[in-house]
């Protein structure tokens, strides 16, 4: 492997890992704070991609599609949380799996009814339809660079919100002891609804950013959901920093696995997860090793 090809795989792996972080961060917060195992999280990624395609087809602007699509994803999160997820807070994980899997089937049927079963492509904005040189023989699309930058900005904003704001303090307190937070007079229902809708929007944003990089097709969120669960397990449940580190590891492992071991690319990711769990059973930055 040449140096330029190696560099290309590194930046592609990091960019893919950052996209996975957007999905996994919402997943780990919902499970770590709300205690809900949400199998429908990948459907929000798919919905974001379809919104990017549908709106950009009608407006001619992917950036406008993202600006319009994000509030729609927040609204979807609020509706799903109030109508379905709120009923799961006191239920066991089996009930959560059954209900959220039912939501997956519901979203899949809605997608087929609204958008059909065709595979769609999303056009990159003309201003970003260029590539930058990477070494002597490789190039990197500008949209991938923008996607990576956007994910980094979101990660930095999340860190500031979680560590520096009153809302973040309540989230961290809720992750440690939700009953105590409620006893202090904090509206836990509003906190949980806000957190769930934020996680929904993050997954939708990841789908919107990924839409020009891949095709938009039915069931596209299922593979991302599985990898996001792997990220959460590697990083440690409830840990945002862990999700960030885990996502980068999974992104790099998946990218290099497809190049070096194309027949065992999926096994590469699970091998990384197994190695991490053998070393740290609660994940790299799980609660047994570092604060959330």
C-alpha atoms as a PDB file:
ATOM      1  CA  UNK A   1       0.000   0.000   0.000  1.00  0.00           C
ATOM      2  CA  UNK A   2       1.428   3.345  -1.063  1.00  0.00           C
ATOM      3  CA  UNK A   3       1.726   6.211   1.395  1.00  0.00           C
ATOM      4  CA  UNK A   4      -0.914   8.282  -0.430  1.00  0.00           C
ATOM      5  CA  UNK A   5      -3.371   5.361  -0.431  1.00  0.00           C
ATOM      6  CA  UNK A   6      -2.697   4.806   3.271  1.00  0.00           C
ATOM      7  CA  UNK A   7      -3.374   8.490   3.965  1.00  0.00           C
ATOM      8  CA  UNK A   8      -6.620   8.277   1.960  1.00  0.00           C
ATOM      9  CA  UNK A   9      -7.824   5.317   4.015  1.00  0.00           C
ATOM     10  CA  UNK A  10      -6.951   7.125   7.242  1.00  0.00           C
ATOM     11  CA  UNK A  11      -8.954  10.252   6.382  1.00  0.00           C
ATOM     12  CA  UNK A  12     -11.838   8.150   5.036  1.00  0.00           C
ATOM     13  CA  UNK A  13     -11.836   6.069   8.216  1.00  0.00           C
ATOM     14  CA  UNK A  14     -11.782   9.146  10.439  1.00  0.00           C
ATOM     15  CA  UNK A  15     -14.588  10.776   8.439  1.00  0.00           C
ATOM     16  CA  UNK A  16     -16.712   7.613   8.626  1.00  0.00           C
ATOM     17  CA  UNK A  17     -15.982   7.322  12.327  1.00  0.00           C
ATOM     18  CA  UNK A  18     -17.114  10.906  12.898  1.00  0.00           C
ATOM     19  CA  UNK A  19     -20.407  10.152  11.131  1.00  0.00           C
ATOM     20  CA  UNK A  20     -20.838   7.089  13.331  1.00  0.00           C
ATOM     21  CA  UNK A  21     -20.197   9.297  16.357  1.00  0.00           C
ATOM     22  CA  UNK A  22     -23.191  11.480  15.492  1.00  0.00           C
ATOM     23  CA  UNK A  23     -25.420   8.401  15.514  1.00  0.00           C
ATOM     24  CA  UNK A  24     -23.785   6.662  18.479  1.00  0.00           C
ATOM     25  CA  UNK A  25     -23.682   9.736  20.725  1.00  0.00           C
ATOM     26  CA  UNK A  26     -27.467   9.997  20.675  1.00  0.00           C
ATOM     27  CA  UNK A  27     -27.766   6.258  21.185  1.00  0.00           C
ATOM     28  CA  UNK A  28     -25.442   6.192  24.190  1.00  0.00           C
ATOM     29  CA  UNK A  29     -27.129   9.201  25.824  1.00  0.00           C
ATOM     30  CA  UNK A  30     -30.605   7.727  25.388  1.00  0.00           C
ATOM     31  CA  UNK A  31     -29.511   4.420  26.886  1.00  0.00           C
ATOM     32  CA  UNK A  32     -27.220   5.896  29.528  1.00  0.00           C
ATOM     33  CA  UNK A  33     -29.675   8.546  30.803  1.00  0.00           C
ATOM     34  CA  UNK A  34     -33.139   7.348  29.802  1.00  0.00           C
ATOM     35  CA  UNK A  35     -32.294   3.664  30.203  1.00  0.00           C
ATOM     36  CA  UNK A  36     -34.000   2.855  26.884  1.00  0.00           C
ATOM     37  CA  UNK A  37     -32.517   0.399  24.393  1.00  0.00           C
ATOM     38  CA  UNK A  38     -33.664   2.068  21.173  1.00  0.00           C
ATOM     39  CA  UNK A  39     -33.566  -0.211  18.130  1.00  0.00           C
ATOM     40  CA  UNK A  40     -35.342   2.479  16.086  1.00  0.00           C
ATOM     41  CA  UNK A  41     -32.356   4.828  16.233  1.00  0.00           C
ATOM     42  CA  UNK A  42     -31.088   3.671  12.835  1.00  0.00           C
ATOM     43  CA  UNK A  43     -34.459   4.581  11.328  1.00  0.00           C
ATOM     44  CA  UNK A  44     -33.797   8.224  12.232  1.00  0.00           C
ATOM     45  CA  UNK A  45     -30.548   8.027  10.244  1.00  0.00           C
ATOM     46  CA  UNK A  46     -32.508   6.660   7.276  1.00  0.00           C
ATOM     47  CA  UNK A  47     -35.204   9.320   7.655  1.00  0.00           C
ATOM     48  CA  UNK A  48     -32.557  12.063   7.650  1.00  0.00           C
ATOM     49  CA  UNK A  49     -31.088  10.720   4.406  1.00  0.00           C
ATOM     50  CA  UNK A  50     -34.508  10.541   2.747  1.00  0.00           C
ATOM     51  CA  UNK A  51     -35.339  14.080   3.873  1.00  0.00           C
ATOM     52  CA  UNK A  52     -32.058  15.301   2.361  1.00  0.00           C
ATOM     53  CA  UNK A  53     -32.910  13.606  -0.936  1.00  0.00           C
ATOM     54  CA  UNK A  54     -36.586  14.659  -1.044  1.00  0.00           C
ATOM     55  CA  UNK A  55     -36.055  18.320  -0.090  1.00  0.00           C
ATOM     56  CA  UNK A  56     -32.950  18.785  -2.247  1.00  0.00           C
ATOM     57  CA  UNK A  57     -34.815  17.337  -5.245  1.00  0.00           C
ATOM     58  CA  UNK A  58     -37.464  20.025  -4.873  1.00  0.00           C
ATOM     59  CA  UNK A  59     -35.313  22.978  -3.859  1.00  0.00           C
ATOM     60  CA  UNK A  60     -32.069  22.176  -5.657  1.00  0.00           C
ATOM     61  CA  UNK A  61     -30.114  22.848  -2.454  1.00  0.00           C
ATOM     62  CA  UNK A  62     -28.725  20.187  -0.149  1.00  0.00           C
ATOM     63  CA  UNK A  63     -27.682  22.793   2.415  1.00  0.00           C
ATOM     64  CA  UNK A  64     -31.260  24.094   2.544  1.00  0.00           C
ATOM     65  CA  UNK A  65     -32.454  20.501   2.900  1.00  0.00           C
ATOM     66  CA  UNK A  66     -30.252  20.106   5.978  1.00  0.00           C
ATOM     67  CA  UNK A  67     -31.461  23.384   7.501  1.00  0.00           C
ATOM     68  CA  UNK A  68     -35.100  22.387   6.968  1.00  0.00           C
ATOM     69  CA  UNK A  69     -34.584  18.730   7.819  1.00  0.00           C
ATOM     70  CA  UNK A  70     -33.053  19.282  11.263  1.00  0.00           C
ATOM     71  CA  UNK A  71     -36.170  20.908  12.816  1.00  0.00           C
ATOM     72  CA  UNK A  72     -38.249  18.142  11.231  1.00  0.00           C
ATOM     73  CA  UNK A  73     -36.058  15.531  12.935  1.00  0.00           C
ATOM     74  CA  UNK A  74     -36.413  17.318  16.279  1.00  0.00           C
ATOM     75  CA  UNK A  75     -40.200  17.260  15.860  1.00  0.00           C
ATOM     76  CA  UNK A  76     -40.124  13.564  14.937  1.00  0.00           C
ATOM     77  CA  UNK A  77     -38.090  12.864  18.073  1.00  0.00           C
ATOM     78  CA  UNK A  78     -40.532  14.754  20.292  1.00  0.00           C
ATOM     79  CA  UNK A  79     -43.541  12.929  18.820  1.00  0.00           C
ATOM     80  CA  UNK A  80     -41.935   9.479  19.074  1.00  0.00           C
ATOM     81  CA  UNK A  81     -40.787  10.159  22.637  1.00  0.00           C
ATOM     82  CA  UNK A  82     -44.225  11.303  23.815  1.00  0.00           C
ATOM     83  CA  UNK A  83     -46.231   8.602  22.028  1.00  0.00           C
ATOM     84  CA  UNK A  84     -43.959   5.596  22.482  1.00  0.00           C
ATOM     85  CA  UNK A  85     -40.642   5.974  24.297  1.00  0.00           C
ATOM     86  CA  UNK A  86     -42.105   7.655  27.410  1.00  0.00           C
ATOM     87  CA  UNK A  87     -44.027   4.447  28.092  1.00  0.00           C
ATOM     88  CA  UNK A  88     -40.796   2.457  28.284  1.00  0.00           C
ATOM     89  CA  UNK A  89     -38.960   4.257  31.095  1.00  0.00           C
ATOM     90  CA  UNK A  90     -40.220   1.886  33.763  1.00  0.00           C
ATOM     91  CA  UNK A  91     -40.269  -1.230  31.564  1.00  0.00           C
ATOM     92  CA  UNK A  92     -37.699  -3.983  31.154  1.00  0.00           C
ATOM     93  CA  UNK A  93     -35.309  -4.212  28.206  1.00  0.00           C
ATOM     94  CA  UNK A  94     -37.369  -6.912  26.471  1.00  0.00           C
ATOM     95  CA  UNK A  95     -40.353  -4.556  26.286  1.00  0.00           C
ATOM     96  CA  UNK A  96     -38.061  -1.822  24.968  1.00  0.00           C
ATOM     97  CA  UNK A  97     -36.653  -4.079  22.258  1.00  0.00           C
ATOM     98  CA  UNK A  98     -40.110  -5.237  21.163  1.00  0.00           C
ATOM     99  CA  UNK A  99     -41.614  -1.745  20.991  1.00  0.00           C
ATOM    100  CA  UNK A 100     -38.648  -0.054  19.315  1.00  0.00           C
ATOM    101  CA  UNK A 101     -38.362  -2.908  16.808  1.00  0.00           C
ATOM    102  CA  UNK A 102     -42.025  -2.304  16.071  1.00  0.00           C
ATOM    103  CA  UNK A 103     -41.096   1.319  15.397  1.00  0.00           C
ATOM    104  CA  UNK A 104     -38.451   0.101  12.938  1.00  0.00           C
ATOM    105  CA  UNK A 105     -41.130  -1.821  11.023  1.00  0.00           C
ATOM    106  CA  UNK A 106     -43.438   1.210  11.148  1.00  0.00           C
ATOM    107  CA  UNK A 107     -40.769   3.570   9.798  1.00  0.00           C
ATOM    108  CA  UNK A 108     -39.867   1.085   7.058  1.00  0.00           C
ATOM    109  CA  UNK A 109     -43.490   0.898   5.919  1.00  0.00           C
ATOM    110  CA  UNK A 110     -43.850   4.685   6.044  1.00  0.00           C
ATOM    111  CA  UNK A 111     -40.679   5.027   3.978  1.00  0.00           C
ATOM    112  CA  UNK A 112     -41.998   2.612   1.347  1.00  0.00           C
ATOM    113  CA  UNK A 113     -45.353   4.371   1.230  1.00  0.00           C
ATOM    114  CA  UNK A 114     -43.914   7.889   0.999  1.00  0.00           C
ATOM    115  CA  UNK A 115     -40.736   7.396  -1.034  1.00  0.00           C
ATOM    116  CA  UNK A 116     -41.009   3.967  -2.667  1.00  0.00           C
ATOM    117  CA  UNK A 117     -38.383   1.234  -2.899  1.00  0.00           C
ATOM    118  CA  UNK A 118     -36.098   2.852  -5.464  1.00  0.00           C
ATOM    119  CA  UNK A 119     -32.480   3.703  -4.756  1.00  0.00           C
ATOM    120  CA  UNK A 120     -31.767   7.433  -4.897  1.00  0.00           C
ATOM    121  CA  UNK A 121     -28.655   9.563  -5.199  1.00  0.00           C
ATOM    122  CA  UNK A 122     -28.141  13.000  -3.690  1.00  0.00           C
ATOM    123  CA  UNK A 123     -26.126  15.545  -5.661  1.00  0.00           C
ATOM    124  CA  UNK A 124     -23.264  17.286  -3.915  1.00  0.00           C
ATOM    125  CA  UNK A 125     -23.611  21.102  -3.929  1.00  0.00           C
ATOM    126  CA  UNK A 126     -21.753  22.599  -6.909  1.00  0.00           C
ATOM    127  CA  UNK A 127     -19.628  24.771  -4.641  1.00  0.00           C
ATOM    128  CA  UNK A 128     -18.305  21.600  -2.997  1.00  0.00           C
ATOM    129  CA  UNK A 129     -18.135  19.327  -6.046  1.00  0.00           C
ATOM    130  CA  UNK A 130     -14.350  19.372  -6.181  1.00  0.00           C
ATOM    131  CA  UNK A 131     -11.525  17.322  -4.740  1.00  0.00           C
ATOM    132  CA  UNK A 132      -8.353  18.183  -2.907  1.00  0.00           C
ATOM    133  CA  UNK A 133      -5.027  16.455  -3.602  1.00  0.00           C
ATOM    134  CA  UNK A 134      -3.890  13.863  -1.101  1.00  0.00           C
ATOM    135  CA  UNK A 135      -0.364  12.756  -1.819  1.00  0.00           C
ATOM    136  CA  UNK A 136       0.850  12.211  -5.356  1.00  0.00           C
ATOM    137  CA  UNK A 137      -1.915   9.977  -6.705  1.00  0.00           C
ATOM    138  CA  UNK A 138      -4.993  10.333  -4.482  1.00  0.00           C
ATOM    139  CA  UNK A 139      -7.680  12.974  -4.024  1.00  0.00           C
ATOM    140  CA  UNK A 140     -10.279  13.573  -1.308  1.00  0.00           C
ATOM    141  CA  UNK A 141     -13.762  15.003  -2.030  1.00  0.00           C
ATOM    142  CA  UNK A 142     -14.470  18.396  -0.492  1.00  0.00           C
ATOM    143  CA  UNK A 143     -17.858  17.182   0.796  1.00  0.00           C
ATOM    144  CA  UNK A 144     -16.110  14.519   2.886  1.00  0.00           C
ATOM    145  CA  UNK A 145     -13.866  17.201   4.367  1.00  0.00           C
ATOM    146  CA  UNK A 146     -16.896  19.381   5.141  1.00  0.00           C
ATOM    147  CA  UNK A 147     -18.681  16.397   6.685  1.00  0.00           C
ATOM    148  CA  UNK A 148     -15.715  15.670   8.940  1.00  0.00           C
ATOM    149  CA  UNK A 149     -15.469  19.336   9.942  1.00  0.00           C
ATOM    150  CA  UNK A 150     -19.208  19.527  10.673  1.00  0.00           C
ATOM    151  CA  UNK A 151     -19.017  16.403  12.848  1.00  0.00           C
ATOM    152  CA  UNK A 152     -16.063  17.827  14.784  1.00  0.00           C
ATOM    153  CA  UNK A 153     -17.965  21.075  15.372  1.00  0.00           C
ATOM    154  CA  UNK A 154     -21.004  19.147  16.613  1.00  0.00           C
ATOM    155  CA  UNK A 155     -18.805  17.053  18.910  1.00  0.00           C
ATOM    156  CA  UNK A 156     -17.186  20.195  20.337  1.00  0.00           C
ATOM    157  CA  UNK A 157     -20.603  21.804  20.840  1.00  0.00           C
ATOM    158  CA  UNK A 158     -21.879  18.682  22.596  1.00  0.00           C
ATOM    159  CA  UNK A 159     -18.891  18.728  24.921  1.00  0.00           C
ATOM    160  CA  UNK A 160     -19.558  22.351  25.825  1.00  0.00           C
ATOM    161  CA  UNK A 161     -23.252  21.702  26.417  1.00  0.00           C
ATOM    162  CA  UNK A 162     -22.674  18.615  28.560  1.00  0.00           C
ATOM    163  CA  UNK A 163     -19.845  20.098  30.645  1.00  0.00           C
ATOM    164  CA  UNK A 164     -20.577  23.837  30.773  1.00  0.00           C
ATOM    165  CA  UNK A 165     -24.358  24.344  30.810  1.00  0.00           C
ATOM    166  CA  UNK A 166     -27.155  23.844  33.313  1.00  0.00           C
ATOM    167  CA  UNK A 167     -28.839  21.440  30.906  1.00  0.00           C
ATOM    168  CA  UNK A 168     -25.643  19.396  30.678  1.00  0.00           C
ATOM    169  CA  UNK A 169     -25.396  19.298  34.463  1.00  0.00           C
ATOM    170  CA  UNK A 170     -28.932  17.927  34.623  1.00  0.00           C
ATOM    171  CA  UNK A 171     -28.124  15.337  31.967  1.00  0.00           C
ATOM    172  CA  UNK A 172     -25.068  14.150  33.892  1.00  0.00           C
ATOM    173  CA  UNK A 173     -27.053  14.092  37.118  1.00  0.00           C
ATOM    174  CA  UNK A 174     -29.845  12.169  35.420  1.00  0.00           C
ATOM    175  CA  UNK A 175     -27.349   9.623  34.155  1.00  0.00           C
ATOM    176  CA  UNK A 176     -26.147   9.066  37.721  1.00  0.00           C
ATOM    177  CA  UNK A 177     -29.436   9.217  39.653  1.00  0.00           C
ATOM    178  CA  UNK A 178     -32.666  10.118  37.850  1.00  0.00           C
ATOM    179  CA  UNK A 179     -34.750   9.704  41.022  1.00  0.00           C
ATOM    180  CA  UNK A 180     -32.666  12.272  42.886  1.00  0.00           C
ATOM    181  CA  UNK A 181     -32.954  14.733  39.996  1.00  0.00           C
ATOM    182  CA  UNK A 182     -36.737  14.403  40.063  1.00  0.00           C
ATOM    183  CA  UNK A 183     -36.774  14.819  43.839  1.00  0.00           C
ATOM    184  CA  UNK A 184     -34.943  18.145  43.406  1.00  0.00           C
ATOM    185  CA  UNK A 185     -37.887  19.478  41.413  1.00  0.00           C
ATOM    186  CA  UNK A 186     -36.416  19.170  37.929  1.00  0.00           C
ATOM    187  CA  UNK A 187     -38.951  18.273  35.229  1.00  0.00           C
ATOM    188  CA  UNK A 188     -37.508  14.908  34.233  1.00  0.00           C
ATOM    189  CA  UNK A 189     -40.135  14.371  31.522  1.00  0.00           C
ATOM    190  CA  UNK A 190     -39.068  17.556  29.743  1.00  0.00           C
ATOM    191  CA  UNK A 191     -35.389  16.668  30.208  1.00  0.00           C
ATOM    192  CA  UNK A 192     -35.897  13.207  28.727  1.00  0.00           C
ATOM    193  CA  UNK A 193     -37.967  14.546  25.805  1.00  0.00           C
ATOM    194  CA  UNK A 194     -35.306  17.146  24.997  1.00  0.00           C
ATOM    195  CA  UNK A 195     -32.528  14.574  25.202  1.00  0.00           C
ATOM    196  CA  UNK A 196     -34.342  12.062  23.010  1.00  0.00           C
ATOM    197  CA  UNK A 197     -35.199  14.651  20.357  1.00  0.00           C
ATOM    198  CA  UNK A 198     -31.570  15.831  20.345  1.00  0.00           C
ATOM    199  CA  UNK A 199     -30.406  12.250  19.787  1.00  0.00           C
ATOM    200  CA  UNK A 200     -32.942  11.892  16.978  1.00  0.00           C
ATOM    201  CA  UNK A 201     -31.686  15.082  15.327  1.00  0.00           C
ATOM    202  CA  UNK A 202     -28.060  13.921  15.555  1.00  0.00           C
ATOM    203  CA  UNK A 203     -28.888  10.628  13.839  1.00  0.00           C
ATOM    204  CA  UNK A 204     -30.868  12.504  11.186  1.00  0.00           C
ATOM    205  CA  UNK A 205     -28.000  14.939  10.621  1.00  0.00           C
ATOM    206  CA  UNK A 206     -25.632  12.012  10.103  1.00  0.00           C
ATOM    207  CA  UNK A 207     -27.993  10.625   7.460  1.00  0.00           C
ATOM    208  CA  UNK A 208     -28.205  14.003   5.714  1.00  0.00           C
ATOM    209  CA  UNK A 209     -24.434  14.419   5.625  1.00  0.00           C
ATOM    210  CA  UNK A 210     -23.931  10.839   4.429  1.00  0.00           C
ATOM    211  CA  UNK A 211     -26.572  11.043   1.673  1.00  0.00           C
ATOM    212  CA  UNK A 212     -24.230  12.482  -1.024  1.00  0.00           C
ATOM    213  CA  UNK A 213     -21.538   9.948  -0.095  1.00  0.00           C
ATOM    214  CA  UNK A 214     -23.715   6.888  -0.529  1.00  0.00           C
ATOM    215  CA  UNK A 215     -27.057   6.002  -2.049  1.00  0.00           C
ATOM    216  CA  UNK A 216     -30.347   6.506  -0.220  1.00  0.00           C
ATOM    217  CA  UNK A 217     -32.207   3.199  -0.012  1.00  0.00           C
ATOM    218  CA  UNK A 218     -34.721   1.294   2.152  1.00  0.00           C
ATOM    219  CA  UNK A 219     -33.308  -0.152   5.365  1.00  0.00           C
ATOM    220  CA  UNK A 220     -30.073   1.833   5.130  1.00  0.00           C
ATOM    221  CA  UNK A 221     -30.149   2.562   8.863  1.00  0.00           C
ATOM    222  CA  UNK A 222     -29.888  -1.054   9.980  1.00  0.00           C
ATOM    223  CA  UNK A 223     -26.189  -1.512   9.262  1.00  0.00           C
ATOM    224  CA  UNK A 224     -25.382   1.860  10.822  1.00  0.00           C
ATOM    225  CA  UNK A 225     -27.394   0.916  13.924  1.00  0.00           C
ATOM    226  CA  UNK A 226     -25.353  -2.255  14.418  1.00  0.00           C
ATOM    227  CA  UNK A 227     -22.062  -0.382  14.076  1.00  0.00           C
ATOM    228  CA  UNK A 228     -23.360   2.309  16.447  1.00  0.00           C
ATOM    229  CA  UNK A 229     -24.104  -0.320  19.083  1.00  0.00           C
ATOM    230  CA  UNK A 230     -20.541  -1.591  18.614  1.00  0.00           C
ATOM    231  CA  UNK A 231     -19.280   1.980  19.118  1.00  0.00           C
ATOM    232  CA  UNK A 232     -21.311   2.336  22.325  1.00  0.00           C
ATOM    233  CA  UNK A 233     -20.015  -0.974  23.683  1.00  0.00           C
ATOM    234  CA  UNK A 234     -16.396  -0.119  22.841  1.00  0.00           C
ATOM    235  CA  UNK A 235     -16.590   3.387  24.274  1.00  0.00           C
ATOM    236  CA  UNK A 236     -18.619   2.544  27.360  1.00  0.00           C
ATOM    237  CA  UNK A 237     -22.356   2.993  27.796  1.00  0.00           C
ATOM    238  CA  UNK A 238     -23.299   6.579  28.610  1.00  0.00           C
ATOM    239  CA  UNK A 239     -19.871   8.027  27.795  1.00  0.00           C
ATOM    240  CA  UNK A 240     -19.758  10.734  25.107  1.00  0.00           C
ATOM    241  CA  UNK A 241     -15.949  10.719  25.093  1.00  0.00           C
ATOM    242  CA  UNK A 242     -16.035   6.950  24.853  1.00  0.00           C
ATOM    243  CA  UNK A 243     -18.418   7.125  21.895  1.00  0.00           C
ATOM    244  CA  UNK A 244     -16.040   9.523  20.139  1.00  0.00           C
ATOM    245  CA  UNK A 245     -13.004   7.278  20.640  1.00  0.00           C
ATOM    246  CA  UNK A 246     -14.976   4.134  19.838  1.00  0.00           C
ATOM    247  CA  UNK A 247     -16.396   5.650  16.648  1.00  0.00           C
ATOM    248  CA  UNK A 248     -12.927   6.544  15.367  1.00  0.00           C
ATOM    249  CA  UNK A 249     -11.699   3.014  16.105  1.00  0.00           C
ATOM    250  CA  UNK A 250     -14.663   1.429  14.342  1.00  0.00           C
ATOM    251  CA  UNK A 251     -14.402   3.802  11.379  1.00  0.00           C
ATOM    252  CA  UNK A 252     -10.714   3.047  10.876  1.00  0.00           C
ATOM    253  CA  UNK A 253     -11.166  -0.703  11.429  1.00  0.00           C
ATOM    254  CA  UNK A 254     -14.041  -0.859   8.939  1.00  0.00           C
ATOM    255  CA  UNK A 255     -12.224   1.198   6.292  1.00  0.00           C
ATOM    256  CA  UNK A 256      -8.915  -0.657   6.503  1.00  0.00           C
ATOM    257  CA  UNK A 257     -10.728  -3.990   6.799  1.00  0.00           C
ATOM    258  CA  UNK A 258     -12.463  -3.398   3.455  1.00  0.00           C
ATOM    259  CA  UNK A 259      -9.118  -2.607   1.806  1.00  0.00           C
ATOM    260  CA  UNK A 260      -6.835  -5.189   3.414  1.00  0.00           C
ATOM    261  CA  UNK A 261      -9.296  -7.996   4.216  1.00  0.00           C
ATOM    262  CA  UNK A 262     -12.328  -7.467   1.957  1.00  0.00           C
ATOM    263  CA  UNK A 263     -13.740 -10.897   2.772  1.00  0.00           C
ATOM    264  CA  UNK A 264     -13.504 -10.278   6.523  1.00  0.00           C
ATOM    265  CA  UNK A 265     -14.232  -6.552   6.773  1.00  0.00           C
ATOM    266  CA  UNK A 266     -17.125  -7.004   9.214  1.00  0.00           C
ATOM    267  CA  UNK A 267     -15.102  -9.418  11.315  1.00  0.00           C
ATOM    268  CA  UNK A 268     -12.407  -6.752  11.709  1.00  0.00           C
ATOM    269  CA  UNK A 269     -14.814  -4.441  13.553  1.00  0.00           C
ATOM    270  CA  UNK A 270     -16.029  -7.193  15.871  1.00  0.00           C
ATOM    271  CA  UNK A 271     -12.453  -8.310  16.520  1.00  0.00           C
ATOM    272  CA  UNK A 272     -11.667  -4.778  17.725  1.00  0.00           C
ATOM    273  CA  UNK A 273     -14.736  -4.871  19.980  1.00  0.00           C
ATOM    274  CA  UNK A 274     -13.753  -8.257  21.411  1.00  0.00           C
ATOM    275  CA  UNK A 275     -10.203  -7.076  22.106  1.00  0.00           C
ATOM    276  CA  UNK A 276     -11.450  -3.954  23.899  1.00  0.00           C
ATOM    277  CA  UNK A 277     -13.925  -5.928  26.029  1.00  0.00           C
ATOM    278  CA  UNK A 278     -11.243  -8.416  27.014  1.00  0.00           C
ATOM    279  CA  UNK A 279      -9.110  -5.494  28.175  1.00  0.00           C
ATOM    280  CA  UNK A 280     -11.885  -3.363  29.685  1.00  0.00           C
ATOM    281  CA  UNK A 281     -15.216  -5.171  30.082  1.00  0.00           C
ATOM    282  CA  UNK A 282     -17.139  -1.892  30.606  1.00  0.00           C
ATOM    283  CA  UNK A 283     -15.625  -0.202  27.560  1.00  0.00           C
ATOM    284  CA  UNK A 284     -12.719   2.174  27.118  1.00  0.00           C
ATOM    285  CA  UNK A 285     -14.278   5.047  29.067  1.00  0.00           C
ATOM    286  CA  UNK A 286     -17.121   3.291  30.830  1.00  0.00           C
ATOM    287  CA  UNK A 287     -18.222   4.375  34.322  1.00  0.00           C
ATOM    288  CA  UNK A 288     -15.851   1.922  35.985  1.00  0.00           C
ATOM    289  CA  UNK A 289     -12.841   3.693  34.485  1.00  0.00           C
ATOM    290  CA  UNK A 290     -13.714   7.333  33.899  1.00  0.00           C
ATOM    291  CA  UNK A 291     -16.555   9.751  34.472  1.00  0.00           C
ATOM    292  CA  UNK A 292     -19.121  10.297  31.768  1.00  0.00           C
END
